Amino acid sequence: MDPMPPDTRIESLLAHAGWVQALARSLSRDQASADDLVQQTWVRVLETPPAARSASGGWLATVVRN
């Protein structure tokens, strides 16, 4: 099976942006900390994308929490 093109994988992950923001807000003390957490999450996604095509929601939750 051919790997998913990187731009498609990123687009599918970015579809969870609102959910990532909401999770970050629930884990942070304030909005600025939540914004930093979201930014760090997307940097991690770009540096080390998930290995599996289906890894999106659960994988993103792990990245946000870590």
N, C-alpha and C. Protein backbone atom coordinates (compact mmCIF):
# COMPACT_ATOMS: atom_id res chain seq x y z
N MET A 1 0.84 -1.18 0.00
CA MET A 1 0.00 0.00 0.00
C MET A 1 0.89 1.24 0.00
N ASP A 2 0.55 2.21 -0.80
CA ASP A 2 1.32 3.45 -0.88
C ASP A 2 1.10 4.29 0.37
N PRO A 3 2.16 4.94 0.86
CA PRO A 3 1.97 5.82 2.02
C PRO A 3 1.11 7.02 1.64
N MET A 4 0.43 7.54 2.63
CA MET A 4 -0.41 8.71 2.42
C MET A 4 0.47 9.91 2.13
N PRO A 5 0.14 10.71 1.12
CA PRO A 5 0.93 11.91 0.86
C PRO A 5 0.96 12.80 2.10
N PRO A 6 2.12 13.40 2.41
CA PRO A 6 2.24 14.20 3.63
C PRO A 6 1.21 15.30 3.77
N ASP A 7 0.88 15.98 2.68
CA ASP A 7 -0.08 17.07 2.78
C ASP A 7 -1.46 16.56 3.15
N THR A 8 -1.83 15.38 2.67
CA THR A 8 -3.13 14.81 3.02
C THR A 8 -3.15 14.42 4.49
N ARG A 9 -2.06 13.84 4.98
CA ARG A 9 -2.01 13.44 6.38
C ARG A 9 -2.14 14.67 7.28
N ILE A 10 -1.43 15.74 6.95
CA ILE A 10 -1.49 16.97 7.75
C ILE A 10 -2.90 17.54 7.72
N GLU A 11 -3.51 17.57 6.55
CA GLU A 11 -4.87 18.09 6.45
C GLU A 11 -5.84 17.29 7.30
N SER A 12 -5.69 15.97 7.31
CA SER A 12 -6.60 15.16 8.12
C SER A 12 -6.37 15.40 9.60
N LEU A 13 -5.12 15.65 10.00
CA LEU A 13 -4.85 15.95 11.40
C LEU A 13 -5.36 17.34 11.78
N LEU A 14 -5.20 18.30 10.87
CA LEU A 14 -5.66 19.66 11.14
C LEU A 14 -7.18 19.73 11.26
N ALA A 15 -7.88 18.74 10.75
CA ALA A 15 -9.33 18.70 10.91
C ALA A 15 -9.71 18.59 12.38
N HIS A 16 -8.75 18.20 13.22
CA HIS A 16 -8.98 18.06 14.66
C HIS A 16 -8.55 19.30 15.44
N ALA A 17 -8.28 20.40 14.76
CA ALA A 17 -7.72 21.59 15.41
C ALA A 17 -8.60 22.10 16.55
N GLY A 18 -9.89 22.15 16.35
CA GLY A 18 -10.78 22.63 17.40
C GLY A 18 -10.76 21.74 18.62
N TRP A 19 -10.73 20.44 18.37
CA TRP A 19 -10.69 19.47 19.45
C TRP A 19 -9.37 19.56 20.22
N VAL A 20 -8.25 19.75 19.50
CA VAL A 20 -6.95 19.90 20.13
C VAL A 20 -6.95 21.15 21.02
N GLN A 21 -7.52 22.23 20.52
CA GLN A 21 -7.60 23.47 21.31
C GLN A 21 -8.43 23.26 22.57
N ALA A 22 -9.55 22.57 22.45
CA ALA A 22 -10.41 22.32 23.61
C ALA A 22 -9.70 21.45 24.65
N LEU A 23 -8.99 20.43 24.20
CA LEU A 23 -8.25 19.58 25.13
C LEU A 23 -7.15 20.37 25.82
N ALA A 24 -6.44 21.19 25.06
CA ALA A 24 -5.37 22.02 25.64
C ALA A 24 -5.94 22.97 26.70
N ARG A 25 -7.10 23.56 26.41
CA ARG A 25 -7.73 24.45 27.39
C ARG A 25 -8.10 23.70 28.66
N SER A 26 -8.56 22.45 28.51
CA SER A 26 -8.96 21.68 29.69
C SER A 26 -7.76 21.26 30.53
N LEU A 27 -6.58 21.19 29.92
CA LEU A 27 -5.37 20.78 30.63
C LEU A 27 -4.55 21.95 31.15
N SER A 28 -4.84 23.16 30.72
CA SER A 28 -4.02 24.33 31.04
C SER A 28 -4.69 25.23 32.07
N ARG A 29 -3.86 26.04 32.69
CA ARG A 29 -4.37 26.99 33.68
C ARG A 29 -5.03 28.20 33.05
N ASP A 30 -4.54 28.61 31.86
CA ASP A 30 -5.08 29.80 31.24
C ASP A 30 -4.99 29.69 29.72
N GLN A 31 -5.56 30.65 29.03
CA GLN A 31 -5.62 30.62 27.57
C GLN A 31 -4.24 30.69 26.94
N ALA A 32 -3.33 31.49 27.50
CA ALA A 32 -1.99 31.61 26.94
C ALA A 32 -1.25 30.27 27.02
N SER A 33 -1.39 29.58 28.14
CA SER A 33 -0.76 28.26 28.27
C SER A 33 -1.37 27.27 27.29
N ALA A 34 -2.68 27.34 27.10
CA ALA A 34 -3.36 26.47 26.15
C ALA A 34 -2.87 26.74 24.74
N ASP A 35 -2.72 28.01 24.39
CA ASP A 35 -2.22 28.37 23.06
C ASP A 35 -0.80 27.84 22.85
N ASP A 36 0.04 27.93 23.87
CA ASP A 36 1.40 27.40 23.78
C ASP A 36 1.38 25.89 23.58
N LEU A 37 0.51 25.23 24.32
CA LEU A 37 0.39 23.78 24.21
C LEU A 37 -0.07 23.36 22.81
N VAL A 38 -1.02 24.08 22.25
CA VAL A 38 -1.48 23.79 20.90
C VAL A 38 -0.34 23.99 19.90
N GLN A 39 0.39 25.06 20.04
CA GLN A 39 1.50 25.32 19.12
C GLN A 39 2.56 24.23 19.24
N GLN A 40 2.89 23.82 20.44
CA GLN A 40 3.87 22.76 20.63
C GLN A 40 3.38 21.44 20.04
N THR A 41 2.08 21.20 20.14
CA THR A 41 1.49 19.99 19.56
C THR A 41 1.68 19.97 18.06
N TRP A 42 1.38 21.08 17.37
CA TRP A 42 1.51 21.11 15.92
C TRP A 42 2.97 21.02 15.48
N VAL A 43 3.88 21.57 16.27
CA VAL A 43 5.30 21.41 15.95
C VAL A 43 5.68 19.94 16.03
N ARG A 44 5.23 19.25 17.07
CA ARG A 44 5.52 17.83 17.22
C ARG A 44 4.91 17.02 16.07
N VAL A 45 3.70 17.39 15.65
CA VAL A 45 3.05 16.71 14.53
C VAL A 45 3.88 16.85 13.26
N LEU A 46 4.40 18.03 13.02
CA LEU A 46 5.21 18.25 11.83
C LEU A 46 6.56 17.54 11.91
N GLU A 47 7.14 17.49 13.10
CA GLU A 47 8.43 16.85 13.27
C GLU A 47 8.34 15.32 13.21
N THR A 48 7.31 14.78 13.83
CA THR A 48 7.14 13.33 13.92
C THR A 48 5.68 12.97 13.70
N PRO A 49 5.24 12.91 12.45
CA PRO A 49 3.84 12.57 12.18
C PRO A 49 3.54 11.13 12.59
N PRO A 50 2.27 10.81 12.77
CA PRO A 50 1.91 9.43 13.17
C PRO A 50 2.31 8.44 12.08
N ALA A 51 2.68 7.25 12.49
CA ALA A 51 3.11 6.23 11.55
C ALA A 51 1.93 5.62 10.79
N ALA A 52 0.82 5.48 11.43
CA ALA A 52 -0.34 4.84 10.82
C ALA A 52 -1.31 5.87 10.28
N ARG A 53 -1.93 5.54 9.17
CA ARG A 53 -2.93 6.45 8.58
C ARG A 53 -4.08 6.73 9.53
N SER A 54 -4.50 5.70 10.25
CA SER A 54 -5.67 5.85 11.11
C SER A 54 -5.36 6.55 12.43
N ALA A 55 -4.08 6.72 12.74
CA ALA A 55 -3.71 7.36 14.00
C ALA A 55 -3.94 8.86 13.90
N SER A 56 -5.01 9.32 14.47
CA SER A 56 -5.24 10.76 14.45
C SER A 56 -5.74 11.23 15.80
N GLY A 57 -6.98 10.95 16.14
CA GLY A 57 -7.56 11.47 17.38
C GLY A 57 -6.84 11.02 18.63
N GLY A 58 -6.68 9.72 18.79
CA GLY A 58 -6.00 9.19 19.97
C GLY A 58 -4.55 9.58 20.02
N TRP A 59 -3.89 9.55 18.86
CA TRP A 59 -2.49 9.93 18.80
C TRP A 59 -2.32 11.41 19.15
N LEU A 60 -3.20 12.24 18.61
CA LEU A 60 -3.13 13.67 18.92
C LEU A 60 -3.36 13.92 20.41
N ALA A 61 -4.28 13.20 21.02
CA ALA A 61 -4.55 13.37 22.44
C ALA A 61 -3.29 13.04 23.25
N THR A 62 -2.58 12.00 22.85
CA THR A 62 -1.35 11.63 23.53
C THR A 62 -0.30 12.72 23.38
N VAL A 63 -0.18 13.26 22.19
CA VAL A 63 0.80 14.34 21.95
C VAL A 63 0.46 15.55 22.81
N VAL A 64 -0.79 15.94 22.86
CA VAL A 64 -1.20 17.10 23.65
C VAL A 64 -0.89 16.86 25.13
N ARG A 65 -1.23 15.68 25.62
CA ARG A 65 -1.01 15.38 27.04
C ARG A 65 0.47 15.32 27.41
N ASN A 66 1.28 14.86 26.47
CA ASN A 66 2.72 14.77 26.76
C ASN A 66 3.38 16.12 26.65
